[in-house]
């Protein structure tokens, strides 16, 4: 049995929910491809904390 674990699932879902609560749902949808690339870069640099990925991702969506 092969199980795939995606470290991005929880942070992206948390970012999506937070953006919706803040009225930034459209921004999230528009920036999702760039957000995924940004999070991938953070993981490649060694970040593994879901909480830190979430906070960094929220900051990215609000800035970009």
N, C-alpha and C. Protein backbone atom coordinates (compact mmCIF):
# COMPACT_ATOMS: atom_id res chain seq x y z
N UNK A 1 0.85 -1.18 0.00
CA UNK A 1 0.00 0.00 0.00
C UNK A 1 0.89 1.24 0.00
N UNK A 2 0.56 2.19 -0.86
CA UNK A 2 1.34 3.42 -1.00
C UNK A 2 0.46 4.60 -0.62
N UNK A 3 0.89 5.34 0.40
CA UNK A 3 0.14 6.50 0.86
C UNK A 3 0.96 7.75 0.58
N UNK A 4 0.34 8.72 -0.05
CA UNK A 4 1.01 9.98 -0.34
C UNK A 4 0.63 11.01 0.72
N UNK A 5 1.63 11.63 1.31
CA UNK A 5 1.40 12.67 2.30
C UNK A 5 1.81 14.00 1.69
N UNK A 6 0.89 14.92 1.66
CA UNK A 6 1.18 16.23 1.09
C UNK A 6 1.25 17.25 2.22
N UNK A 7 2.43 17.77 2.45
CA UNK A 7 2.66 18.71 3.55
C UNK A 7 1.92 20.03 3.34
N UNK A 8 1.46 20.28 2.11
CA UNK A 8 0.81 21.54 1.79
C UNK A 8 -0.70 21.54 2.03
N UNK A 9 -1.31 20.38 2.17
CA UNK A 9 -2.77 20.30 2.27
C UNK A 9 -3.34 21.12 3.42
N UNK A 10 -2.85 20.90 4.64
CA UNK A 10 -3.39 21.61 5.80
C UNK A 10 -3.11 23.11 5.74
N UNK A 11 -1.86 23.52 5.46
CA UNK A 11 -1.62 24.97 5.40
C UNK A 11 -2.46 25.67 4.33
N UNK A 12 -2.58 25.07 3.16
CA UNK A 12 -3.36 25.70 2.09
C UNK A 12 -4.83 25.79 2.48
N UNK A 13 -5.36 24.76 3.11
CA UNK A 13 -6.77 24.80 3.55
C UNK A 13 -6.97 25.86 4.63
N UNK A 14 -6.03 25.96 5.56
CA UNK A 14 -6.13 26.99 6.60
C UNK A 14 -6.04 28.39 6.00
N UNK A 15 -5.15 28.56 5.04
CA UNK A 15 -5.01 29.86 4.37
C UNK A 15 -6.30 30.20 3.63
N UNK A 16 -6.87 29.21 2.94
CA UNK A 16 -8.13 29.43 2.20
C UNK A 16 -9.23 29.89 3.16
N UNK A 17 -9.39 29.20 4.27
CA UNK A 17 -10.45 29.54 5.23
C UNK A 17 -10.23 30.93 5.82
N UNK A 18 -9.01 31.23 6.17
CA UNK A 18 -8.70 32.55 6.73
C UNK A 18 -8.97 33.65 5.74
N UNK A 19 -8.56 33.44 4.49
CA UNK A 19 -8.80 34.44 3.44
C UNK A 19 -10.30 34.66 3.25
N UNK A 20 -11.08 33.60 3.28
CA UNK A 20 -12.53 33.74 3.13
C UNK A 20 -13.11 34.55 4.28
N UNK A 21 -12.64 34.29 5.50
CA UNK A 21 -13.12 35.04 6.66
C UNK A 21 -12.74 36.51 6.59
N UNK A 22 -11.60 36.80 5.97
CA UNK A 22 -11.12 38.17 5.86
C UNK A 22 -11.63 38.88 4.59
N UNK A 23 -12.44 38.17 3.80
CA UNK A 23 -12.95 38.76 2.57
C UNK A 23 -11.93 38.77 1.44
N UNK A 24 -10.94 37.88 1.53
CA UNK A 24 -9.90 37.82 0.51
C UNK A 24 -9.99 36.53 -0.32
N UNK A 25 -11.16 35.95 -0.38
CA UNK A 25 -11.34 34.70 -1.11
C UNK A 25 -10.92 34.79 -2.56
N UNK A 26 -11.26 35.90 -3.22
CA UNK A 26 -10.89 36.08 -4.63
C UNK A 26 -9.38 36.20 -4.78
N UNK A 27 -8.74 36.90 -3.84
CA UNK A 27 -7.28 37.01 -3.86
C UNK A 27 -6.63 35.64 -3.72
N UNK A 28 -7.17 34.83 -2.82
CA UNK A 28 -6.62 33.50 -2.61
C UNK A 28 -6.71 32.69 -3.90
N UNK A 29 -7.88 32.67 -4.53
CA UNK A 29 -8.05 31.89 -5.75
C UNK A 29 -7.10 32.35 -6.85
N UNK A 30 -6.93 33.66 -6.97
CA UNK A 30 -6.08 34.21 -8.02
C UNK A 30 -4.61 33.91 -7.76
N UNK A 31 -4.21 33.89 -6.49
CA UNK A 31 -2.80 33.73 -6.13
C UNK A 31 -2.41 32.30 -5.79
N UNK A 32 -3.36 31.36 -5.87
CA UNK A 32 -3.07 29.99 -5.47
C UNK A 32 -1.87 29.37 -6.19
N UNK A 33 -1.75 29.49 -7.51
CA UNK A 33 -0.56 28.89 -8.15
C UNK A 33 0.76 29.47 -7.63
N UNK A 34 0.80 30.78 -7.44
CA UNK A 34 2.01 31.42 -6.91
C UNK A 34 2.23 31.01 -5.45
N UNK A 35 1.16 30.88 -4.69
CA UNK A 35 1.25 30.47 -3.30
C UNK A 35 1.85 29.07 -3.19
N UNK A 36 1.39 28.15 -4.03
CA UNK A 36 1.92 26.79 -4.01
C UNK A 36 3.42 26.79 -4.31
N UNK A 37 3.84 27.58 -5.29
CA UNK A 37 5.26 27.68 -5.63
C UNK A 37 6.05 28.25 -4.46
N UNK A 38 5.50 29.26 -3.82
CA UNK A 38 6.15 29.89 -2.67
C UNK A 38 6.32 28.88 -1.53
N UNK A 39 5.26 28.13 -1.23
CA UNK A 39 5.34 27.14 -0.15
C UNK A 39 6.32 26.02 -0.50
N UNK A 40 6.35 25.61 -1.76
CA UNK A 40 7.30 24.58 -2.20
C UNK A 40 8.74 25.06 -1.97
N UNK A 41 8.99 26.33 -2.25
CA UNK A 41 10.33 26.89 -2.04
C UNK A 41 10.70 26.87 -0.56
N UNK A 42 9.74 27.22 0.31
CA UNK A 42 10.01 27.20 1.74
C UNK A 42 10.34 25.78 2.22
N UNK A 43 9.61 24.80 1.72
CA UNK A 43 9.87 23.41 2.11
C UNK A 43 11.23 22.97 1.58
N UNK A 44 11.57 23.37 0.36
CA UNK A 44 12.87 23.02 -0.21
C UNK A 44 14.01 23.62 0.62
N UNK A 45 13.74 24.76 1.25
CA UNK A 45 14.74 25.41 2.11
C UNK A 45 14.77 24.81 3.51
N UNK A 46 13.88 23.84 3.78
CA UNK A 46 13.93 23.12 5.05
C UNK A 46 12.77 23.35 6.00
N UNK A 47 11.82 24.20 5.64
CA UNK A 47 10.66 24.45 6.52
C UNK A 47 9.70 23.26 6.48
N UNK A 48 9.35 22.74 7.64
CA UNK A 48 8.42 21.61 7.70
C UNK A 48 7.24 21.87 8.63
N UNK A 49 7.25 22.96 9.36
CA UNK A 49 6.18 23.27 10.30
C UNK A 49 4.93 23.75 9.55
N UNK A 50 3.83 23.04 9.75
CA UNK A 50 2.58 23.44 9.10
C UNK A 50 2.14 24.83 9.55
N UNK A 51 2.36 25.14 10.81
CA UNK A 51 1.98 26.45 11.32
C UNK A 51 2.78 27.56 10.65
N UNK A 52 4.08 27.36 10.53
CA UNK A 52 4.92 28.38 9.89
C UNK A 52 4.59 28.52 8.41
N UNK A 53 4.31 27.40 7.75
CA UNK A 53 3.92 27.46 6.34
C UNK A 53 2.61 28.24 6.19
N UNK A 54 1.68 28.02 7.13
CA UNK A 54 0.40 28.73 7.09
C UNK A 54 0.60 30.23 7.26
N UNK A 55 1.35 30.63 8.26
CA UNK A 55 1.58 32.05 8.52
C UNK A 55 2.33 32.69 7.35
N UNK A 56 3.36 32.03 6.85
CA UNK A 56 4.11 32.57 5.72
C UNK A 56 3.21 32.68 4.49
N UNK A 57 2.36 31.68 4.28
CA UNK A 57 1.45 31.71 3.14
C UNK A 57 0.42 32.84 3.24
N UNK A 58 -0.11 33.05 4.45
CA UNK A 58 -1.05 34.16 4.64
C UNK A 58 -0.38 35.49 4.36
N UNK A 59 0.83 35.65 4.84
CA UNK A 59 1.58 36.87 4.60
C UNK A 59 1.80 37.07 3.10
N UNK A 60 2.11 36.00 2.41
CA UNK A 60 2.33 36.06 0.97
C UNK A 60 1.07 36.51 0.24
N UNK A 61 -0.06 35.92 0.59
CA UNK A 61 -1.32 36.27 -0.09
C UNK A 61 -1.69 37.74 0.17
N UNK A 62 -1.49 38.20 1.38
CA UNK A 62 -1.84 39.58 1.71
C UNK A 62 -0.91 40.58 1.03
N UNK A 63 0.37 40.23 0.84
CA UNK A 63 1.35 41.12 0.24
C UNK A 63 1.28 41.14 -1.28
N UNK A 64 1.20 39.97 -1.86
CA UNK A 64 1.34 39.85 -3.32
C UNK A 64 0.19 40.50 -4.05
